[in-house]
Amino acid sequence: MSMLSVIVPCYNEEENIAPFYEELVKHVSFLAERDMDLEVLYIDDGSRDHTVQEIRKLRETDERVHMVSFSRNFGKEAAMYAGLENAVGDYVVFMDADLQDPPSLLAEMFSYIDQGYDTVATRRVSRKGEPPIRSFFARRFYHLMKRISRTEIMDGARDYRLMTRQVVDAILSMKEYNRFTKGIFGWVGFETKWLEYENVERARGETKWSFWKLFVYSLDGIAAFSTVPLMLASVVGVLFCLIAFLMIIFIIVRKLIFGDPVSGWPSLVCIILMTSGVQFFCTGILGQYLAKTYMEVKNRPIYLVKEKLG
C-alpha cells in the first residue's frame, strides 16, 4: 500500500492543530479509492504554547498522527527539511496549520500527478487580507528574483506542494544550512503543474511572519540563488573609479586653462560621504555572502530534535 505524508510545520499554533486535522480528514476520503494510507506529520518548531500537547491528544485517538518536536525554534525552513527527512510516504505534501492551504485541493492535485507531473505546486492569484504595503513588496521581490536569478520562483507561490518521492529525494540531497525552499523547488526542476486559487485568510491566531522577518528572508533568497549583487558591487566600484578619473582630468584642465583654484569643501564633503556610502554598501553585499559561507563551513545541524511521536 502506498502512502501520502502530510507535513505540517507549526509554531505556536495550538488553536489550529485540531481544526486543521479535522478539515484534512474530511477531504482525504479519496485515498481509500487509491488504496493509499495517510500519515500526518506535525513538525513543532519549538512552540512556546500548548501546540505539542494538542498534537499528543490527536495521537491518542489516531495513530496516523506523528510529531517531531525541536529543542528550540529553528525556523520554518528547518521544519520543512525535518518533515522531508522523517516522512515515509510515496507522496509528500506541505501544508500550513493555519488552513491557508485548502485540503479540498488535494484530490485535484493527485489528478495532475496521474497525468504524469512530478509535483503539483500552488500559487495565490490574489492577496486579499494582506496589508497593502506587504503585498507590494512581496510582488517586487518576485519580480526582482525573476530578473537576477536563473531559478524559477513563481509570484504568489505557496509552500503547499504535492511531490513524488523522486522529487523529495532530490530536495533532501541539498544539505545546505541556509535554505530557501521556494528557490530549491525551482532549482531541482522536474515537471511541475501550477494550481491557482484565491487567497484564504488564517483560520485562527496571528501570522508569525513580521515585515522585518520577511525582509530578512528575502535577502536570504537573493543570496542563495543569485550572484548578481556581487557583480553589481564590482560594476559600481568600476563606475566610481571611472568618475573619479574623469573628475581629476577635469580639475587639472580647469586649473591649467582658467587658473581656478581648487575650492569648495562642502561639495568635497558630499562626494566623500557618497563614496563612503557606496563602499559600505558594496562591503555589506560581500558580507552577506561571506556570512552565508561562514555558516555553511561550520556544518552545524539544521535542527535538533527534542521529542518524537510515532
C-alpha atoms as a PDB file:
ATOM      1  CA  MET A   1       0.000   0.000   0.000  1.00  0.00           C
ATOM      2  CA  SER A   2       1.330   3.426  -0.947  1.00  0.00           C
ATOM      3  CA  MET A   3       1.180   6.362   1.441  1.00  0.00           C
ATOM      4  CA  LEU A   4       0.630  10.115   1.477  1.00  0.00           C
ATOM      5  CA  SER A   5       2.682  12.058   4.030  1.00  0.00           C
ATOM      6  CA  VAL A   6       1.215  15.412   5.042  1.00  0.00           C
ATOM      7  CA  ILE A   7       3.932  17.609   6.567  1.00  0.00           C
ATOM      8  CA  VAL A   8       2.595  20.366   8.814  1.00  0.00           C
ATOM      9  CA  PRO A   9       5.215  22.828  10.132  1.00  0.00           C
ATOM     10  CA  CYS A  10       3.801  24.657  13.150  1.00  0.00           C
ATOM     11  CA  TYR A  11       4.974  27.284  15.618  1.00  0.00           C
ATOM     12  CA  ASN A  12       2.607  28.417  18.374  1.00  0.00           C
ATOM     13  CA  GLU A  13      -0.420  27.028  16.549  1.00  0.00           C
ATOM     14  CA  GLU A  14      -2.323  25.410  19.430  1.00  0.00           C
ATOM     15  CA  GLU A  15      -5.610  26.901  18.198  1.00  0.00           C
ATOM     16  CA  ASN A  16      -5.222  25.396  14.722  1.00  0.00           C
ATOM     17  CA  ILE A  17      -3.874  21.882  15.390  1.00  0.00           C
ATOM     18  CA  ALA A  18      -7.222  20.127  15.883  1.00  0.00           C
ATOM     19  CA  PRO A  19      -9.228  22.202  13.328  1.00  0.00           C
ATOM     20  CA  PHE A  20      -6.602  21.523  10.669  1.00  0.00           C
ATOM     21  CA  TYR A  21      -6.693  17.789  11.380  1.00  0.00           C
ATOM     22  CA  GLU A  22     -10.491  17.697  11.211  1.00  0.00           C
ATOM     23  CA  GLU A  23     -10.547  19.633   7.931  1.00  0.00           C
ATOM     24  CA  LEU A  24      -7.845  17.409   6.439  1.00  0.00           C
ATOM     25  CA  VAL A  25      -9.641  14.176   7.343  1.00  0.00           C
ATOM     26  CA  LYS A  26     -12.803  15.477   5.632  1.00  0.00           C
ATOM     27  CA  HIS A  27     -11.019  15.756   2.292  1.00  0.00           C
ATOM     28  CA  VAL A  28      -8.832  12.633   2.143  1.00  0.00           C
ATOM     29  CA  SER A  29     -11.548  10.036   1.670  1.00  0.00           C
ATOM     30  CA  PHE A  30     -10.376   9.660  -1.943  1.00  0.00           C
ATOM     31  CA  LEU A  31      -7.187   7.994  -0.646  1.00  0.00           C
ATOM     32  CA  ALA A  32      -9.122   4.794   0.093  1.00  0.00           C
ATOM     33  CA  GLU A  33     -10.106   4.561  -3.580  1.00  0.00           C
ATOM     34  CA  ARG A  34      -6.415   4.735  -4.443  1.00  0.00           C
ATOM     35  CA  ASP A  35      -5.520   2.063  -1.876  1.00  0.00           C
ATOM     36  CA  MET A  36      -3.378   4.689  -0.170  1.00  0.00           C
ATOM     37  CA  ASP A  37      -2.607   5.189   3.509  1.00  0.00           C
ATOM     38  CA  LEU A  38      -2.113   8.513   5.294  1.00  0.00           C
ATOM     39  CA  GLU A  39       0.313   9.950   7.815  1.00  0.00           C
ATOM     40  CA  VAL A  40       0.013  13.440   9.287  1.00  0.00           C
ATOM     41  CA  LEU A  41       3.448  14.614  10.373  1.00  0.00           C
ATOM     42  CA  TYR A  42       3.394  17.697  12.588  1.00  0.00           C
ATOM     43  CA  ILE A  43       6.768  19.435  12.909  1.00  0.00           C
ATOM     44  CA  ASP A  44       6.770  21.512  16.091  1.00  0.00           C
ATOM     45  CA  ASP A  45       9.266  24.326  15.625  1.00  0.00           C
ATOM     46  CA  GLY A  46       9.971  24.891  19.334  1.00  0.00           C
ATOM     47  CA  SER A  47       6.497  26.224  20.157  1.00  0.00           C
ATOM     48  CA  ARG A  48       6.039  28.052  23.465  1.00  0.00           C
ATOM     49  CA  ASP A  49       2.305  27.431  23.795  1.00  0.00           C
ATOM     50  CA  HIS A  50       0.381  24.132  24.009  1.00  0.00           C
ATOM     51  CA  THR A  51       0.978  23.029  20.430  1.00  0.00           C
ATOM     52  CA  VAL A  52       2.778  19.836  21.487  1.00  0.00           C
ATOM     53  CA  GLN A  53       0.027  18.915  23.955  1.00  0.00           C
ATOM     54  CA  GLU A  54      -2.623  19.335  21.251  1.00  0.00           C
ATOM     55  CA  ILE A  55      -0.694  17.047  18.922  1.00  0.00           C
ATOM     56  CA  ARG A  56      -0.380  14.443  21.668  1.00  0.00           C
ATOM     57  CA  LYS A  57      -4.172  14.468  22.098  1.00  0.00           C
ATOM     58  CA  LEU A  58      -4.612  13.739  18.410  1.00  0.00           C
ATOM     59  CA  ARG A  59      -2.061  10.940  18.592  1.00  0.00           C
ATOM     60  CA  GLU A  60      -4.095   9.243  21.325  1.00  0.00           C
ATOM     61  CA  THR A  61      -7.102   8.973  19.006  1.00  0.00           C
ATOM     62  CA  ASP A  62      -5.359   8.448  15.653  1.00  0.00           C
ATOM     63  CA  GLU A  63      -2.089   6.565  15.189  1.00  0.00           C
ATOM     64  CA  ARG A  64      -1.665   8.171  11.773  1.00  0.00           C
ATOM     65  CA  VAL A  65      -0.650  11.370  13.593  1.00  0.00           C
ATOM     66  CA  HIS A  66       3.103  11.757  14.129  1.00  0.00           C
ATOM     67  CA  MET A  67       5.226  14.542  15.552  1.00  0.00           C
ATOM     68  CA  VAL A  68       8.793  15.772  15.549  1.00  0.00           C
ATOM     69  CA  SER A  69       9.409  18.469  18.148  1.00  0.00           C
ATOM     70  CA  PHE A  70      12.501  20.698  18.047  1.00  0.00           C
ATOM     71  CA  SER A  71      14.618  21.653  21.059  1.00  0.00           C
ATOM     72  CA  ARG A  72      14.052  25.332  20.155  1.00  0.00           C
ATOM     73  CA  ASN A  73      12.773  27.483  17.320  1.00  0.00           C
ATOM     74  CA  PHE A  74      14.913  26.785  14.224  1.00  0.00           C
ATOM     75  CA  GLY A  75      12.610  28.413  11.674  1.00  0.00           C
ATOM     76  CA  LYS A  76      10.163  27.140   9.078  1.00  0.00           C
ATOM     77  CA  GLU A  77      12.887  26.171   6.619  1.00  0.00           C
ATOM     78  CA  ALA A  78      14.389  23.767   9.167  1.00  0.00           C
ATOM     79  CA  ALA A  79      10.910  22.425   9.953  1.00  0.00           C
ATOM     80  CA  MET A  80      10.232  21.708   6.293  1.00  0.00           C
ATOM     81  CA  TYR A  81      13.553  19.919   5.891  1.00  0.00           C
ATOM     82  CA  ALA A  82      12.884  17.861   9.028  1.00  0.00           C
ATOM     83  CA  GLY A  83       9.496  16.916   7.618  1.00  0.00           C
ATOM     84  CA  LEU A  84      11.056  15.642   4.406  1.00  0.00           C
ATOM     85  CA  GLU A  85      13.664  13.654   6.338  1.00  0.00           C
ATOM     86  CA  ASN A  86      11.045  11.974   8.534  1.00  0.00           C
ATOM     87  CA  ALA A  87       8.253  11.459   6.008  1.00  0.00           C
ATOM     88  CA  VAL A  88       7.979   7.886   4.726  1.00  0.00           C
ATOM     89  CA  GLY A  89       5.223   8.347   2.140  1.00  0.00           C
ATOM     90  CA  ASP A  90       5.482   7.719  -1.571  1.00  0.00           C
ATOM     91  CA  TYR A  91       3.882  11.146  -1.973  1.00  0.00           C
ATOM     92  CA  VAL A  92       4.567  14.140   0.242  1.00  0.00           C
ATOM     93  CA  VAL A  93       2.694  17.415   0.621  1.00  0.00           C
ATOM     94  CA  PHE A  94       3.464  20.537   2.666  1.00  0.00           C
ATOM     95  CA  MET A  95       0.520  22.238   4.362  1.00  0.00           C
ATOM     96  CA  ASP A  96       0.364  25.099   6.870  1.00  0.00           C
ATOM     97  CA  ALA A  97      -1.552  24.518  10.084  1.00  0.00           C
ATOM     98  CA  ASP A  98      -3.458  27.813   9.753  1.00  0.00           C
ATOM     99  CA  LEU A  99      -5.722  26.390   6.983  1.00  0.00           C
ATOM    100  CA  GLN A 100      -4.476  28.868   4.389  1.00  0.00           C
ATOM    101  CA  ASP A 101      -3.677  25.779   2.305  1.00  0.00           C
ATOM    102  CA  PRO A 102      -7.120  24.295   1.462  1.00  0.00           C
ATOM    103  CA  PRO A 103      -7.180  20.478   1.899  1.00  0.00           C
ATOM    104  CA  SER A 104     -10.022  20.458  -0.641  1.00  0.00           C
ATOM    105  CA  LEU A 105      -7.416  20.850  -3.402  1.00  0.00           C
ATOM    106  CA  LEU A 106      -5.670  17.546  -2.637  1.00  0.00           C
ATOM    107  CA  ALA A 107      -7.875  15.398  -4.885  1.00  0.00           C
ATOM    108  CA  GLU A 108      -7.308  17.745  -7.842  1.00  0.00           C
ATOM    109  CA  MET A 109      -3.576  17.789  -7.148  1.00  0.00           C
ATOM    110  CA  PHE A 110      -3.446  13.992  -7.340  1.00  0.00           C
ATOM    111  CA  SER A 111      -5.295  14.089 -10.665  1.00  0.00           C
ATOM    112  CA  TYR A 112      -2.358  16.000 -12.153  1.00  0.00           C
ATOM    113  CA  ILE A 113       0.097  13.507 -10.651  1.00  0.00           C
ATOM    114  CA  ASP A 114      -1.855  10.834 -12.530  1.00  0.00           C
ATOM    115  CA  GLN A 115      -1.261  12.830 -15.724  1.00  0.00           C
ATOM    116  CA  GLY A 116       2.495  12.444 -15.305  1.00  0.00           C
ATOM    117  CA  TYR A 117       3.526  15.550 -13.367  1.00  0.00           C
ATOM    118  CA  ASP A 118       6.216  15.064 -10.730  1.00  0.00           C
ATOM    119  CA  THR A 119       4.993  17.870  -8.492  1.00  0.00           C
ATOM    120  CA  VAL A 120       1.865  19.993  -8.195  1.00  0.00           C
ATOM    121  CA  ALA A 121       2.509  23.459  -6.762  1.00  0.00           C
ATOM    122  CA  THR A 122       0.043  26.131  -5.726  1.00  0.00           C
ATOM    123  CA  ARG A 123       0.077  29.888  -6.103  1.00  0.00           C
ATOM    124  CA  ARG A 124      -2.263  32.611  -4.920  1.00  0.00           C
ATOM    125  CA  VAL A 125      -3.829  34.760  -7.619  1.00  0.00           C
ATOM    126  CA  SER A 126      -4.820  37.382  -5.039  1.00  0.00           C
ATOM    127  CA  ARG A 127      -3.505  38.623  -1.703  1.00  0.00           C
ATOM    128  CA  LYS A 128      -6.824  39.501  -0.126  1.00  0.00           C
ATOM    129  CA  GLY A 129      -6.473  40.135   3.591  1.00  0.00           C
ATOM    130  CA  GLU A 130      -2.791  41.088   3.478  1.00  0.00           C
ATOM    131  CA  PRO A 131      -1.586  44.620   4.304  1.00  0.00           C
ATOM    132  CA  PRO A 132      -1.149  46.543   1.000  1.00  0.00           C
ATOM    133  CA  ILE A 133       2.466  47.509   1.713  1.00  0.00           C
ATOM    134  CA  ARG A 134       3.369  43.882   2.421  1.00  0.00           C
ATOM    135  CA  SER A 135       1.731  42.730  -0.813  1.00  0.00           C
ATOM    136  CA  PHE A 136       3.537  45.459  -2.767  1.00  0.00           C
ATOM    137  CA  PHE A 137       6.991  44.485  -1.530  1.00  0.00           C
ATOM    138  CA  ALA A 138       6.247  40.777  -1.976  1.00  0.00           C
ATOM    139  CA  ARG A 139       5.419  41.323  -5.633  1.00  0.00           C
ATOM    140  CA  ARG A 140       8.541  43.460  -6.099  1.00  0.00           C
ATOM    141  CA  PHE A 141      10.654  40.691  -4.583  1.00  0.00           C
ATOM    142  CA  TYR A 142       9.346  38.052  -7.007  1.00  0.00           C
ATOM    143  CA  HIS A 143       9.778  40.488  -9.901  1.00  0.00           C
ATOM    144  CA  LEU A 144      13.380  41.111  -8.837  1.00  0.00           C
ATOM    145  CA  MET A 145      14.151  37.398  -8.467  1.00  0.00           C
ATOM    146  CA  LYS A 146      12.914  36.723 -11.991  1.00  0.00           C
ATOM    147  CA  ARG A 147      15.458  39.216 -13.284  1.00  0.00           C
ATOM    148  CA  ILE A 148      18.519  38.287 -11.234  1.00  0.00           C
ATOM    149  CA  SER A 149      18.139  34.512 -10.797  1.00  0.00           C
ATOM    150  CA  ARG A 150      18.096  31.635 -13.252  1.00  0.00           C
ATOM    151  CA  THR A 151      15.922  29.630 -10.868  1.00  0.00           C
ATOM    152  CA  GLU A 152      12.176  29.851 -11.446  1.00  0.00           C
ATOM    153  CA  ILE A 153      10.425  31.401  -8.440  1.00  0.00           C
ATOM    154  CA  MET A 154       6.744  31.990  -9.175  1.00  0.00           C
ATOM    155  CA  ASP A 155       4.955  35.094  -7.921  1.00  0.00           C
ATOM    156  CA  GLY A 156       2.472  34.164  -5.212  1.00  0.00           C
ATOM    157  CA  ALA A 157       3.905  30.669  -4.806  1.00  0.00           C
ATOM    158  CA  ARG A 158       2.939  28.849  -1.634  1.00  0.00           C
ATOM    159  CA  ASP A 159       4.798  26.059   0.147  1.00  0.00           C
ATOM    160  CA  TYR A 160       1.636  23.982  -0.406  1.00  0.00           C
ATOM    161  CA  ARG A 161       3.032  21.449  -2.858  1.00  0.00           C
ATOM    162  CA  LEU A 162       2.464  17.764  -3.612  1.00  0.00           C
ATOM    163  CA  MET A 163       5.598  15.848  -4.613  1.00  0.00           C
ATOM    164  CA  THR A 164       6.572  12.360  -5.648  1.00  0.00           C
ATOM    165  CA  ARG A 165       9.265  10.518  -3.724  1.00  0.00           C
ATOM    166  CA  GLN A 166      11.771  11.227  -6.508  1.00  0.00           C
ATOM    167  CA  VAL A 167      11.353  14.977  -6.011  1.00  0.00           C
ATOM    168  CA  VAL A 168      11.601  14.611  -2.225  1.00  0.00           C
ATOM    169  CA  ASP A 169      14.871  12.689  -2.526  1.00  0.00           C
ATOM    170  CA  ALA A 170      16.244  15.369  -4.855  1.00  0.00           C
ATOM    171  CA  ILE A 171      15.463  18.105  -2.315  1.00  0.00           C
ATOM    172  CA  LEU A 172      16.975  16.074   0.530  1.00  0.00           C
ATOM    173  CA  SER A 173      20.198  15.762  -1.457  1.00  0.00           C
ATOM    174  CA  MET A 174      20.667  19.527  -0.983  1.00  0.00           C
ATOM    175  CA  LYS A 175      22.158  19.657   2.505  1.00  0.00           C
ATOM    176  CA  GLU A 176      22.816  23.394   2.651  1.00  0.00           C
ATOM    177  CA  TYR A 177      22.340  25.130   6.011  1.00  0.00           C
ATOM    178  CA  ASN A 178      20.990  28.415   4.608  1.00  0.00           C
ATOM    179  CA  ARG A 179      17.815  27.150   2.984  1.00  0.00           C
ATOM    180  CA  PHE A 180      15.364  28.981   0.755  1.00  0.00           C
ATOM    181  CA  THR A 181      12.923  26.257  -0.162  1.00  0.00           C
ATOM    182  CA  LYS A 182      10.978  28.234  -2.765  1.00  0.00           C
ATOM    183  CA  GLY A 183      14.230  28.509  -4.703  1.00  0.00           C
ATOM    184  CA  ILE A 184      15.158  24.884  -4.054  1.00  0.00           C
ATOM    185  CA  PHE A 185      11.835  23.749  -5.546  1.00  0.00           C
ATOM    186  CA  GLY A 186      12.675  25.582  -8.744  1.00  0.00           C
ATOM    187  CA  TRP A 187      16.327  24.525  -8.786  1.00  0.00           C
ATOM    188  CA  VAL A 188      15.661  20.758  -8.667  1.00  0.00           C
ATOM    189  CA  GLY A 189      13.353  21.111 -11.654  1.00  0.00           C
ATOM    190  CA  PHE A 190      11.048  18.203 -12.592  1.00  0.00           C
ATOM    191  CA  GLU A 191       7.709  18.507 -14.352  1.00  0.00           C
ATOM    192  CA  THR A 192       5.591  20.943 -12.343  1.00  0.00           C
ATOM    193  CA  LYS A 193       1.902  21.804 -12.607  1.00  0.00           C
ATOM    194  CA  TRP A 194       0.871  25.165 -11.112  1.00  0.00           C
ATOM    195  CA  LEU A 195      -2.537  25.246  -9.458  1.00  0.00           C
ATOM    196  CA  GLU A 196      -4.022  28.690  -8.813  1.00  0.00           C
ATOM    197  CA  TYR A 197      -6.509  29.592  -6.094  1.00  0.00           C
ATOM    198  CA  GLU A 198      -7.848  32.617  -4.252  1.00  0.00           C
ATOM    199  CA  ASN A 199      -6.059  33.620  -1.074  1.00  0.00           C
ATOM    200  CA  VAL A 200      -7.503  32.150   2.113  1.00  0.00           C
ATOM    201  CA  GLU A 201      -7.086  34.046   5.369  1.00  0.00           C
ATOM    202  CA  ARG A 202      -5.851  32.403   8.559  1.00  0.00           C
ATOM    203  CA  ALA A 203      -8.468  30.423  10.464  1.00  0.00           C
ATOM    204  CA  ARG A 204      -7.232  31.487  13.917  1.00  0.00           C
ATOM    205  CA  GLY A 205      -4.325  33.286  15.536  1.00  0.00           C
ATOM    206  CA  GLU A 206      -1.870  35.723  14.003  1.00  0.00           C
ATOM    207  CA  THR A 207       0.865  35.264  11.428  1.00  0.00           C
ATOM    208  CA  LYS A 208       4.382  34.694  12.768  1.00  0.00           C
ATOM    209  CA  TRP A 209       5.914  36.468   9.770  1.00  0.00           C
ATOM    210  CA  SER A 210       6.508  40.135  10.520  1.00  0.00           C
ATOM    211  CA  PHE A 211       7.555  42.562   7.787  1.00  0.00           C
ATOM    212  CA  TRP A 212      11.142  42.502   9.090  1.00  0.00           C
ATOM    213  CA  LYS A 213      11.296  38.687   9.089  1.00  0.00           C
ATOM    214  CA  LEU A 214      10.018  38.621   5.520  1.00  0.00           C
ATOM    215  CA  PHE A 215      12.605  41.215   4.518  1.00  0.00           C
ATOM    216  CA  VAL A 216      15.459  39.167   6.024  1.00  0.00           C
ATOM    217  CA  TYR A 217      14.017  36.029   4.410  1.00  0.00           C
ATOM    218  CA  SER A 218      14.019  37.769   1.017  1.00  0.00           C
ATOM    219  CA  LEU A 219      17.703  38.686   1.460  1.00  0.00           C
ATOM    220  CA  ASP A 220      18.424  35.021   2.209  1.00  0.00           C
ATOM    221  CA  GLY A 221      16.669  34.064  -1.010  1.00  0.00           C
ATOM    222  CA  ILE A 222      18.641  36.566  -3.076  1.00  0.00           C
ATOM    223  CA  ALA A 223      21.966  35.456  -1.592  1.00  0.00           C
ATOM    224  CA  ALA A 224      21.079  31.778  -2.025  1.00  0.00           C
ATOM    225  CA  PHE A 225      20.053  31.872  -5.680  1.00  0.00           C
ATOM    226  CA  SER A 226      21.777  34.827  -7.304  1.00  0.00           C
ATOM    227  CA  THR A 227      25.288  36.245  -7.570  1.00  0.00           C
ATOM    228  CA  VAL A 228      24.098  39.394  -9.349  1.00  0.00           C
ATOM    229  CA  PRO A 229      24.559  41.571  -6.209  1.00  0.00           C
ATOM    230  CA  LEU A 230      28.254  40.656  -6.201  1.00  0.00           C
ATOM    231  CA  MET A 231      28.537  41.637  -9.843  1.00  0.00           C
ATOM    232  CA  LEU A 232      26.646  44.852  -9.052  1.00  0.00           C
ATOM    233  CA  ALA A 233      29.195  45.730  -6.357  1.00  0.00           C
ATOM    234  CA  SER A 234      32.006  45.247  -8.879  1.00  0.00           C
ATOM    235  CA  VAL A 235      30.259  47.357 -11.524  1.00  0.00           C
ATOM    236  CA  VAL A 236      29.623  50.178  -9.040  1.00  0.00           C
ATOM    237  CA  GLY A 237      33.284  50.090  -7.985  1.00  0.00           C
ATOM    238  CA  VAL A 238      34.492  50.358 -11.588  1.00  0.00           C
ATOM    239  CA  LEU A 239      31.986  53.133 -12.301  1.00  0.00           C
ATOM    240  CA  PHE A 240      33.154  55.247  -9.369  1.00  0.00           C
ATOM    241  CA  CYS A 241      36.801  54.753 -10.330  1.00  0.00           C
ATOM    242  CA  LEU A 242      35.952  55.984 -13.836  1.00  0.00           C
ATOM    243  CA  ILE A 243      34.090  59.008 -12.475  1.00  0.00           C
ATOM    244  CA  ALA A 244      37.000  59.834 -10.156  1.00  0.00           C
ATOM    245  CA  PHE A 245      39.481  59.606 -13.071  1.00  0.00           C
ATOM    246  CA  LEU A 246      37.363  61.932 -15.235  1.00  0.00           C
ATOM    247  CA  MET A 247      36.980  64.421 -12.386  1.00  0.00           C
ATOM    248  CA  ILE A 248      40.753  64.502 -11.846  1.00  0.00           C
ATOM    249  CA  ILE A 249      41.288  65.295 -15.540  1.00  0.00           C
ATOM    250  CA  PHE A 250      38.562  67.963 -15.395  1.00  0.00           C
ATOM    251  CA  ILE A 251      40.153  69.698 -12.377  1.00  0.00           C
ATOM    252  CA  ILE A 252      43.648  69.655 -13.939  1.00  0.00           C
ATOM    253  CA  VAL A 253      42.390  71.063 -17.236  1.00  0.00           C
ATOM    254  CA  ARG A 254      40.357  73.757 -15.480  1.00  0.00           C
ATOM    255  CA  LYS A 255      43.394  74.790 -13.430  1.00  0.00           C
ATOM    256  CA  LEU A 256      45.708  74.972 -16.480  1.00  0.00           C
ATOM    257  CA  ILE A 257      43.271  76.874 -18.715  1.00  0.00           C
ATOM    258  CA  PHE A 258      41.297  79.108 -16.346  1.00  0.00           C
ATOM    259  CA  GLY A 259      43.597  79.176 -13.353  1.00  0.00           C
ATOM    260  CA  ASP A 260      40.670  78.492 -10.993  1.00  0.00           C
ATOM    261  CA  PRO A 261      41.715  77.414  -7.545  1.00  0.00           C
ATOM    262  CA  VAL A 262      40.504  74.015  -6.316  1.00  0.00           C
ATOM    263  CA  SER A 263      37.907  75.059  -3.753  1.00  0.00           C
ATOM    264  CA  GLY A 264      34.504  74.107  -2.409  1.00  0.00           C
ATOM    265  CA  TRP A 265      34.882  71.980   0.704  1.00  0.00           C
ATOM    266  CA  PRO A 266      31.071  71.424   1.059  1.00  0.00           C
ATOM    267  CA  SER A 267      30.917  69.651  -2.288  1.00  0.00           C
ATOM    268  CA  LEU A 268      34.066  67.718  -1.374  1.00  0.00           C
ATOM    269  CA  VAL A 269      32.452  66.508   1.869  1.00  0.00           C
ATOM    270  CA  CYS A 270      29.330  65.432  -0.022  1.00  0.00           C
ATOM    271  CA  ILE A 271      31.411  63.463  -2.523  1.00  0.00           C
ATOM    272  CA  ILE A 272      33.377  61.756   0.264  1.00  0.00           C
ATOM    273  CA  LEU A 273      30.198  60.835   2.123  1.00  0.00           C
ATOM    274  CA  MET A 274      28.533  59.466  -1.026  1.00  0.00           C
ATOM    275  CA  THR A 275      31.602  57.465  -1.997  1.00  0.00           C
ATOM    276  CA  SER A 276      31.939  56.100   1.527  1.00  0.00           C
ATOM    277  CA  GLY A 277      28.283  55.115   1.491  1.00  0.00           C
ATOM    278  CA  VAL A 278      28.721  53.199  -1.756  1.00  0.00           C
ATOM    279  CA  GLN A 279      31.796  51.470  -0.341  1.00  0.00           C
ATOM    280  CA  PHE A 280      29.917  50.400   2.774  1.00  0.00           C
ATOM    281  CA  PHE A 281      27.005  49.229   0.622  1.00  0.00           C
ATOM    282  CA  CYS A 282      29.281  47.049  -1.504  1.00  0.00           C
ATOM    283  CA  THR A 283      31.065  45.768   1.599  1.00  0.00           C
ATOM    284  CA  GLY A 284      27.673  44.853   3.053  1.00  0.00           C
ATOM    285  CA  ILE A 285      26.841  42.812  -0.049  1.00  0.00           C
ATOM    286  CA  LEU A 286      30.126  40.938   0.280  1.00  0.00           C
ATOM    287  CA  GLY A 287      29.412  40.489   3.990  1.00  0.00           C
ATOM    288  CA  GLN A 288      26.078  38.800   3.272  1.00  0.00           C
ATOM    289  CA  TYR A 289      27.703  36.192   1.060  1.00  0.00           C
ATOM    290  CA  LEU A 290      30.608  35.757   3.468  1.00  0.00           C
ATOM    291  CA  ALA A 291      28.204  35.244   6.377  1.00  0.00           C
ATOM    292  CA  LYS A 292      26.358  32.534   4.445  1.00  0.00           C
ATOM    293  CA  THR A 293      29.637  30.831   3.625  1.00  0.00           C
ATOM    294  CA  TYR A 294      30.681  31.065   7.288  1.00  0.00           C
ATOM    295  CA  MET A 295      27.501  29.300   8.437  1.00  0.00           C
ATOM    296  CA  GLU A 296      27.900  26.592   5.803  1.00  0.00           C
ATOM    297  CA  VAL A 297      31.522  25.910   6.780  1.00  0.00           C
ATOM    298  CA  LYS A 298      30.521  25.437  10.437  1.00  0.00           C
ATOM    299  CA  ASN A 299      28.456  22.449   9.312  1.00  0.00           C
ATOM    300  CA  ARG A 300      26.009  22.725  12.204  1.00  0.00           C
ATOM    301  CA  PRO A 301      22.883  20.535  12.153  1.00  0.00           C
ATOM    302  CA  ILE A 302      19.874  22.181  10.542  1.00  0.00           C
ATOM    303  CA  TYR A 303      17.714  21.259  13.544  1.00  0.00           C
ATOM    304  CA  LEU A 304      17.810  19.342  16.847  1.00  0.00           C
ATOM    305  CA  VAL A 305      15.027  17.020  17.958  1.00  0.00           C
ATOM    306  CA  LYS A 306      13.669  17.075  21.497  1.00  0.00           C
ATOM    307  CA  GLU A 307      10.795  14.606  21.136  1.00  0.00           C
ATOM    308  CA  LYS A 308       9.259  12.265  18.589  1.00  0.00           C
ATOM    309  CA  LEU A 309       5.840  10.654  18.432  1.00  0.00           C
ATOM    310  CA  GLY A 310       5.115   7.791  16.078  1.00  0.00           C
END
